[in-house]
Amino acid sequence: MEESLKIFKALADETRLKIVRLLLKGDKCVCEIIPFVKRTQSTVSIQLAKLENLGIVESRREGKSVYYSLSNN
């Protein structure tokens, strides 16, 4: 129950919810997420880190880019 509460609380934030909705369409790098959520690179990275810490998203590095996707867990 406590983990579900943390996830719902995370998704209550408009920026994080927008990120999750975008990732439903497929993997994205930060540079693709920024214009969609209309936030700075710093803000997007912080929000992605929160989502990743909760296990909602996962990341993979390809060269200099980091791509994010929804977690399968």
PDB file of N, CA and C in Angstrom:
ATOM      1  N   MET A   1       0.829  -1.197   0.000  1.00  0.00           N
ATOM      2  CA  MET A   1       0.000   0.000   0.000  1.00  0.00           C
ATOM      3  C   MET A   1       0.869   1.255   0.000  1.00  0.00           C
ATOM      4  N   GLU A   2       1.938   1.244   0.810  1.00  0.00           N
ATOM      5  CA  GLU A   2       2.804   2.420   0.916  1.00  0.00           C
ATOM      6  C   GLU A   2       3.494   2.726  -0.416  1.00  0.00           C
ATOM      7  N   GLU A   3       3.912   1.669  -1.139  1.00  0.00           N
ATOM      8  CA  GLU A   3       4.560   1.887  -2.431  1.00  0.00           C
ATOM      9  C   GLU A   3       3.573   2.470  -3.439  1.00  0.00           C
ATOM     10  N   SER A   4       2.352   1.983  -3.428  1.00  0.00           N
ATOM     11  CA  SER A   4       1.319   2.524  -4.320  1.00  0.00           C
ATOM     12  C   SER A   4       1.078   3.995  -4.026  1.00  0.00           C
ATOM     13  N   LEU A   5       1.069   4.352  -2.763  1.00  0.00           N
ATOM     14  CA  LEU A   5       0.868   5.742  -2.368  1.00  0.00           C
ATOM     15  C   LEU A   5       1.989   6.627  -2.916  1.00  0.00           C
ATOM     16  N   LYS A   6       3.233   6.140  -2.856  1.00  0.00           N
ATOM     17  CA  LYS A   6       4.374   6.899  -3.385  1.00  0.00           C
ATOM     18  C   LYS A   6       4.237   7.103  -4.891  1.00  0.00           C
ATOM     19  N   ILE A   7       3.788   6.076  -5.585  1.00  0.00           N
ATOM     20  CA  ILE A   7       3.630   6.176  -7.041  1.00  0.00           C
ATOM     21  C   ILE A   7       2.525   7.169  -7.391  1.00  0.00           C
ATOM     22  N   PHE A   8       1.387   7.076  -6.717  1.00  0.00           N
ATOM     23  CA  PHE A   8       0.296   8.018  -6.984  1.00  0.00           C
ATOM     24  C   PHE A   8       0.706   9.450  -6.647  1.00  0.00           C
ATOM     25  N   LYS A   9       1.464   9.610  -5.584  1.00  0.00           N
ATOM     26  CA  LYS A   9       1.948  10.939  -5.201  1.00  0.00           C
ATOM     27  C   LYS A   9       2.889  11.491  -6.272  1.00  0.00           C
ATOM     28  N   ALA A  10       3.739  10.632  -6.815  1.00  0.00           N
ATOM     29  CA  ALA A  10       4.660  11.059  -7.873  1.00  0.00           C
ATOM     30  C   ALA A  10       3.896  11.493  -9.118  1.00  0.00           C
ATOM     31  N   LEU A  11       2.846  10.762  -9.450  1.00  0.00           N
ATOM     32  CA  LEU A  11       2.072  11.071 -10.653  1.00  0.00           C
ATOM     33  C   LEU A  11       1.112  12.235 -10.452  1.00  0.00           C
ATOM     34  N   ALA A  12       0.962  12.692  -9.224  1.00  0.00           N
ATOM     35  CA  ALA A  12       0.124  13.860  -8.951  1.00  0.00           C
ATOM     36  C   ALA A  12       0.792  15.143  -9.430  1.00  0.00           C
ATOM     37  N   ASP A  13       2.104  15.087  -9.653  1.00  0.00           N
ATOM     38  CA  ASP A  13       2.838  16.239 -10.170  1.00  0.00           C
ATOM     39  C   ASP A  13       2.611  16.331 -11.679  1.00  0.00           C
ATOM     40  N   GLU A  14       2.200  17.490 -12.158  1.00  0.00           N
ATOM     41  CA  GLU A  14       1.851  17.668 -13.571  1.00  0.00           C
ATOM     42  C   GLU A  14       3.011  17.343 -14.507  1.00  0.00           C
ATOM     43  N   THR A  15       4.213  17.787 -14.177  1.00  0.00           N
ATOM     44  CA  THR A  15       5.369  17.543 -15.044  1.00  0.00           C
ATOM     45  C   THR A  15       5.673  16.056 -15.132  1.00  0.00           C
ATOM     46  N   ARG A  16       5.686  15.372 -13.999  1.00  0.00           N
ATOM     47  CA  ARG A  16       5.978  13.937 -14.012  1.00  0.00           C
ATOM     48  C   ARG A  16       4.892  13.165 -14.757  1.00  0.00           C
ATOM     49  N   LEU A  17       3.644  13.567 -14.600  1.00  0.00           N
ATOM     50  CA  LEU A  17       2.558  12.902 -15.317  1.00  0.00           C
ATOM     51  C   LEU A  17       2.708  13.104 -16.826  1.00  0.00           C
ATOM     52  N   LYS A  18       3.074  14.303 -17.251  1.00  0.00           N
ATOM     53  CA  LYS A  18       3.299  14.566 -18.677  1.00  0.00           C
ATOM     54  C   LYS A  18       4.428  13.698 -19.219  1.00  0.00           C
ATOM     55  N   ILE A  19       5.487  13.552 -18.431  1.00  0.00           N
ATOM     56  CA  ILE A  19       6.616  12.718 -18.857  1.00  0.00           C
ATOM     57  C   ILE A  19       6.158  11.272 -19.049  1.00  0.00           C
ATOM     58  N   VAL A  20       5.415  10.746 -18.092  1.00  0.00           N
ATOM     59  CA  VAL A  20       4.933   9.368 -18.187  1.00  0.00           C
ATOM     60  C   VAL A  20       4.025   9.205 -19.400  1.00  0.00           C
ATOM     61  N   ARG A  21       3.151  10.162 -19.632  1.00  0.00           N
ATOM     62  CA  ARG A  21       2.256  10.093 -20.803  1.00  0.00           C
ATOM     63  C   ARG A  21       3.051  10.089 -22.103  1.00  0.00           C
ATOM     64  N   LEU A  22       4.115  10.885 -22.167  1.00  0.00           N
ATOM     65  CA  LEU A  22       4.955  10.905 -23.364  1.00  0.00           C
ATOM     66  C   LEU A  22       5.673   9.571 -23.542  1.00  0.00           C
ATOM     67  N   LEU A  23       6.159   9.004 -22.456  1.00  0.00           N
ATOM     68  CA  LEU A  23       6.894   7.744 -22.537  1.00  0.00           C
ATOM     69  C   LEU A  23       5.996   6.562 -22.885  1.00  0.00           C
ATOM     70  N   LEU A  24       4.685   6.732 -22.764  1.00  0.00           N
ATOM     71  CA  LEU A  24       3.761   5.693 -23.229  1.00  0.00           C
ATOM     72  C   LEU A  24       3.903   5.476 -24.733  1.00  0.00           C
ATOM     73  N   LYS A  25       4.380   6.500 -25.436  1.00  0.00           N
ATOM     74  CA  LYS A  25       4.540   6.436 -26.889  1.00  0.00           C
ATOM     75  C   LYS A  25       5.878   5.839 -27.298  1.00  0.00           C
ATOM     76  N   GLY A  26       6.780   5.625 -26.325  1.00  0.00           N
ATOM     77  CA  GLY A  26       8.080   5.033 -26.641  1.00  0.00           C
ATOM     78  C   GLY A  26       9.216   5.738 -25.929  1.00  0.00           C
ATOM     79  N   ASP A  27      10.408   5.198 -26.110  1.00  0.00           N
ATOM     80  CA  ASP A  27      11.609   5.735 -25.473  1.00  0.00           C
ATOM     81  C   ASP A  27      11.895   7.149 -25.958  1.00  0.00           C
ATOM     82  N   LYS A  28      12.360   7.987 -25.045  1.00  0.00           N
ATOM     83  CA  LYS A  28      12.695   9.374 -25.380  1.00  0.00           C
ATOM     84  C   LYS A  28      13.952   9.783 -24.635  1.00  0.00           C
ATOM     85  N   CYS A  29      14.734  10.658 -25.267  1.00  0.00           N
ATOM     86  CA  CYS A  29      15.862  11.260 -24.559  1.00  0.00           C
ATOM     87  C   CYS A  29      15.377  12.573 -23.938  1.00  0.00           C
ATOM     88  N   VAL A  30      16.175  13.104 -23.032  1.00  0.00           N
ATOM     89  CA  VAL A  30      15.789  14.340 -22.340  1.00  0.00           C
ATOM     90  C   VAL A  30      15.490  15.447 -23.349  1.00  0.00           C
ATOM     91  N   CYS A  31      16.286  15.505 -24.414  1.00  0.00           N
ATOM     92  CA  CYS A  31      16.099  16.570 -25.412  1.00  0.00           C
ATOM     93  C   CYS A  31      14.737  16.486 -26.100  1.00  0.00           C
ATOM     94  N   GLU A  32      14.118  15.311 -26.131  1.00  0.00           N
ATOM     95  CA  GLU A  32      12.783  15.159 -26.712  1.00  0.00           C
ATOM     96  C   GLU A  32      11.682  15.444 -25.686  1.00  0.00           C
ATOM     97  N   ILE A  33      12.004  15.286 -24.420  1.00  0.00           N
ATOM     98  CA  ILE A  33      11.019  15.493 -23.357  1.00  0.00           C
ATOM     99  C   ILE A  33      10.860  16.975 -23.035  1.00  0.00           C
ATOM    100  N   ILE A  34      11.961  17.725 -23.071  1.00  0.00           N
ATOM    101  CA  ILE A  34      11.958  19.147 -22.688  1.00  0.00           C
ATOM    102  C   ILE A  34      10.874  19.956 -23.408  1.00  0.00           C
ATOM    103  N   PRO A  35      10.795  19.917 -24.749  1.00  0.00           N
ATOM    104  CA  PRO A  35       9.761  20.745 -25.405  1.00  0.00           C
ATOM    105  C   PRO A  35       8.336  20.279 -25.102  1.00  0.00           C
ATOM    106  N   PHE A  36       8.174  18.993 -24.831  1.00  0.00           N
ATOM    107  CA  PHE A  36       6.840  18.462 -24.544  1.00  0.00           C
ATOM    108  C   PHE A  36       6.316  18.975 -23.207  1.00  0.00           C
ATOM    109  N   VAL A  37       7.178  19.019 -22.194  1.00  0.00           N
ATOM    110  CA  VAL A  37       6.736  19.445 -20.860  1.00  0.00           C
ATOM    111  C   VAL A  37       6.976  20.933 -20.610  1.00  0.00           C
ATOM    112  N   LYS A  38       7.722  21.570 -21.513  1.00  0.00           N
ATOM    113  CA  LYS A  38       8.007  23.013 -21.419  1.00  0.00           C
ATOM    114  C   LYS A  38       8.662  23.378 -20.089  1.00  0.00           C
ATOM    115  N   ARG A  39       9.703  22.619 -19.751  1.00  0.00           N
ATOM    116  CA  ARG A  39      10.492  22.860 -18.544  1.00  0.00           C
ATOM    117  C   ARG A  39      11.970  22.862 -18.929  1.00  0.00           C
ATOM    118  N   THR A  40      12.818  23.329 -18.022  1.00  0.00           N
ATOM    119  CA  THR A  40      14.258  23.363 -18.290  1.00  0.00           C
ATOM    120  C   THR A  40      14.834  21.952 -18.244  1.00  0.00           C
ATOM    121  N   GLN A  41      16.035  21.818 -18.805  1.00  0.00           N
ATOM    122  CA  GLN A  41      16.726  20.527 -18.795  1.00  0.00           C
ATOM    123  C   GLN A  41      16.948  20.057 -17.365  1.00  0.00           C
ATOM    124  N   SER A  42      17.304  20.978 -16.505  1.00  0.00           N
ATOM    125  CA  SER A  42      17.544  20.653 -15.100  1.00  0.00           C
ATOM    126  C   SER A  42      16.286  20.104 -14.434  1.00  0.00           C
ATOM    127  N   THR A  43      15.170  20.770 -14.637  1.00  0.00           N
ATOM    128  CA  THR A  43      13.902  20.335 -14.044  1.00  0.00           C
ATOM    129  C   THR A  43      13.498  18.963 -14.564  1.00  0.00           C
ATOM    130  N   VAL A  44      13.621  18.760 -15.869  1.00  0.00           N
ATOM    131  CA  VAL A  44      13.254  17.469 -16.462  1.00  0.00           C
ATOM    132  C   VAL A  44      14.137  16.357 -15.899  1.00  0.00           C
ATOM    133  N   SER A  45      15.428  16.615 -15.789  1.00  0.00           N
ATOM    134  CA  SER A  45      16.344  15.604 -15.251  1.00  0.00           C
ATOM    135  C   SER A  45      16.009  15.250 -13.807  1.00  0.00           C
ATOM    136  N   ILE A  46      15.672  16.244 -13.012  1.00  0.00           N
ATOM    137  CA  ILE A  46      15.294  15.997 -11.612  1.00  0.00           C
ATOM    138  C   ILE A  46      14.024  15.149 -11.550  1.00  0.00           C
ATOM    139  N   GLN A  47      13.039  15.481 -12.377  1.00  0.00           N
ATOM    140  CA  GLN A  47      11.776  14.737 -12.373  1.00  0.00           C
ATOM    141  C   GLN A  47      11.983  13.304 -12.864  1.00  0.00           C
ATOM    142  N   LEU A  48      12.840  13.125 -13.866  1.00  0.00           N
ATOM    143  CA  LEU A  48      13.139  11.779 -14.356  1.00  0.00           C
ATOM    144  C   LEU A  48      13.846  10.955 -13.288  1.00  0.00           C
ATOM    145  N   ALA A  49      14.743  11.580 -12.547  1.00  0.00           N
ATOM    146  CA  ALA A  49      15.440  10.877 -11.464  1.00  0.00           C
ATOM    147  C   ALA A  49      14.448  10.407 -10.403  1.00  0.00           C
ATOM    148  N   LYS A  50      13.476  11.242 -10.072  1.00  0.00           N
ATOM    149  CA  LYS A  50      12.454  10.847  -9.094  1.00  0.00           C
ATOM    150  C   LYS A  50      11.644   9.661  -9.608  1.00  0.00           C
ATOM    151  N   LEU A  51      11.253   9.716 -10.882  1.00  0.00           N
ATOM    152  CA  LEU A  51      10.488   8.618 -11.470  1.00  0.00           C
ATOM    153  C   LEU A  51      11.318   7.339 -11.542  1.00  0.00           C
ATOM    154  N   GLU A  52      12.603   7.491 -11.823  1.00  0.00           N
ATOM    155  CA  GLU A  52      13.482   6.321 -11.897  1.00  0.00           C
ATOM    156  C   GLU A  52      13.690   5.707 -10.507  1.00  0.00           C
ATOM    157  N   ASN A  53      13.858   6.546  -9.501  1.00  0.00           N
ATOM    158  CA  ASN A  53      14.030   6.046  -8.128  1.00  0.00           C
ATOM    159  C   ASN A  53      12.813   5.265  -7.645  1.00  0.00           C
ATOM    160  N   LEU A  54      11.647   5.616  -8.140  1.00  0.00           N
ATOM    161  CA  LEU A  54      10.415   4.910  -7.768  1.00  0.00           C
ATOM    162  C   LEU A  54      10.164   3.679  -8.638  1.00  0.00           C
ATOM    163  N   GLY A  55      11.009   3.475  -9.646  1.00  0.00           N
ATOM    164  CA  GLY A  55      10.851   2.323 -10.521  1.00  0.00           C
ATOM    165  C   GLY A  55       9.800   2.505 -11.597  1.00  0.00           C
ATOM    166  N   ILE A  56       9.380   3.738 -11.825  1.00  0.00           N
ATOM    167  CA  ILE A  56       8.362   4.013 -12.846  1.00  0.00           C
ATOM    168  C   ILE A  56       9.001   4.070 -14.231  1.00  0.00           C
ATOM    169  N   VAL A  57      10.186   4.654 -14.308  1.00  0.00           N
ATOM    170  CA  VAL A  57      10.921   4.706 -15.573  1.00  0.00           C
ATOM    171  C   VAL A  57      12.298   4.082 -15.379  1.00  0.00           C
ATOM    172  N   GLU A  58      12.910   3.715 -16.501  1.00  0.00           N
ATOM    173  CA  GLU A  58      14.280   3.221 -16.489  1.00  0.00           C
ATOM    174  C   GLU A  58      15.044   3.927 -17.596  1.00  0.00           C
ATOM    175  N   SER A  59      16.353   3.919 -17.478  1.00  0.00           N
ATOM    176  CA  SER A  59      17.173   4.639 -18.446  1.00  0.00           C
ATOM    177  C   SER A  59      18.224   3.724 -19.048  1.00  0.00           C
ATOM    178  N   ARG A  60      18.680   4.104 -20.240  1.00  0.00           N
ATOM    179  CA  ARG A  60      19.797   3.417 -20.883  1.00  0.00           C
ATOM    180  C   ARG A  60      20.615   4.463 -21.630  1.00  0.00           C
ATOM    181  N   ARG A  61      21.907   4.277 -21.640  1.00  0.00           N
ATOM    182  CA  ARG A  61      22.807   5.223 -22.294  1.00  0.00           C
ATOM    183  C   ARG A  61      23.154   4.704 -23.685  1.00  0.00           C
ATOM    184  N   GLU A  62      23.076   5.610 -24.660  1.00  0.00           N
ATOM    185  CA  GLU A  62      23.514   5.330 -26.028  1.00  0.00           C
ATOM    186  C   GLU A  62      24.438   6.464 -26.429  1.00  0.00           C
ATOM    187  N   GLY A  63      25.730   6.216 -26.381  1.00  0.00           N
ATOM    188  CA  GLY A  63      26.699   7.272 -26.657  1.00  0.00           C
ATOM    189  C   GLY A  63      26.597   8.356 -25.602  1.00  0.00           C
ATOM    190  N   LYS A  64      26.371   9.580 -26.037  1.00  0.00           N
ATOM    191  CA  LYS A  64      26.256  10.700 -25.105  1.00  0.00           C
ATOM    192  C   LYS A  64      24.826  10.926 -24.624  1.00  0.00           C
ATOM    193  N   SER A  65      23.880  10.224 -25.212  1.00  0.00           N
ATOM    194  CA  SER A  65      22.466  10.422 -24.869  1.00  0.00           C
ATOM    195  C   SER A  65      21.979   9.369 -23.881  1.00  0.00           C
ATOM    196  N   VAL A  66      21.045   9.788 -23.032  1.00  0.00           N
ATOM    197  CA  VAL A  66      20.373   8.868 -22.114  1.00  0.00           C
ATOM    198  C   VAL A  66      18.910   8.809 -22.536  1.00  0.00           C
ATOM    199  N   TYR A  67      18.434   7.597 -22.772  1.00  0.00           N
ATOM    200  CA  TYR A  67      17.048   7.397 -23.176  1.00  0.00           C
ATOM    201  C   TYR A  67      16.248   6.836 -22.009  1.00  0.00           C
ATOM    202  N   TYR A  68      15.031   7.310 -21.879  1.00  0.00           N
ATOM    203  CA  TYR A  68      14.149   6.885 -20.798  1.00  0.00           C
ATOM    204  C   TYR A  68      12.954   6.150 -21.379  1.00  0.00           C
ATOM    205  N   SER A  69      12.503   5.155 -20.638  1.00  0.00           N
ATOM    206  CA  SER A  69      11.317   4.394 -21.027  1.00  0.00           C
ATOM    207  C   SER A  69      10.565   4.008 -19.764  1.00  0.00           C
ATOM    208  N   LEU A  70       9.321   3.606 -19.936  1.00  0.00           N
ATOM    209  CA  LEU A  70       8.555   3.129 -18.790  1.00  0.00           C
ATOM    210  C   LEU A  70       9.119   1.785 -18.357  1.00  0.00           C
ATOM    211  N   SER A  71       9.181   1.584 -17.078  1.00  0.00           N
ATOM    212  CA  SER A  71       9.706   0.341 -16.517  1.00  0.00           C
ATOM    213  C   SER A  71       8.717  -0.794 -16.735  1.00  0.00           C
ATOM    214  N   ASN A  72       9.241  -1.978 -16.924  1.00  0.00           N
ATOM    215  CA  ASN A  72       8.389  -3.166 -17.072  1.00  0.00           C
ATOM    216  C   ASN A  72       7.970  -3.739 -15.732  1.00  0.00           C
ATOM    217  N   ASN A  73       8.519  -3.208 -14.657  1.00  0.00           N
ATOM    218  CA  ASN A  73       8.222  -3.752 -13.315  1.00  0.00           C
ATOM    219  C   ASN A  73       6.922  -3.232 -12.781  1.00  0.00           C
TER     220      ASN A  73
END
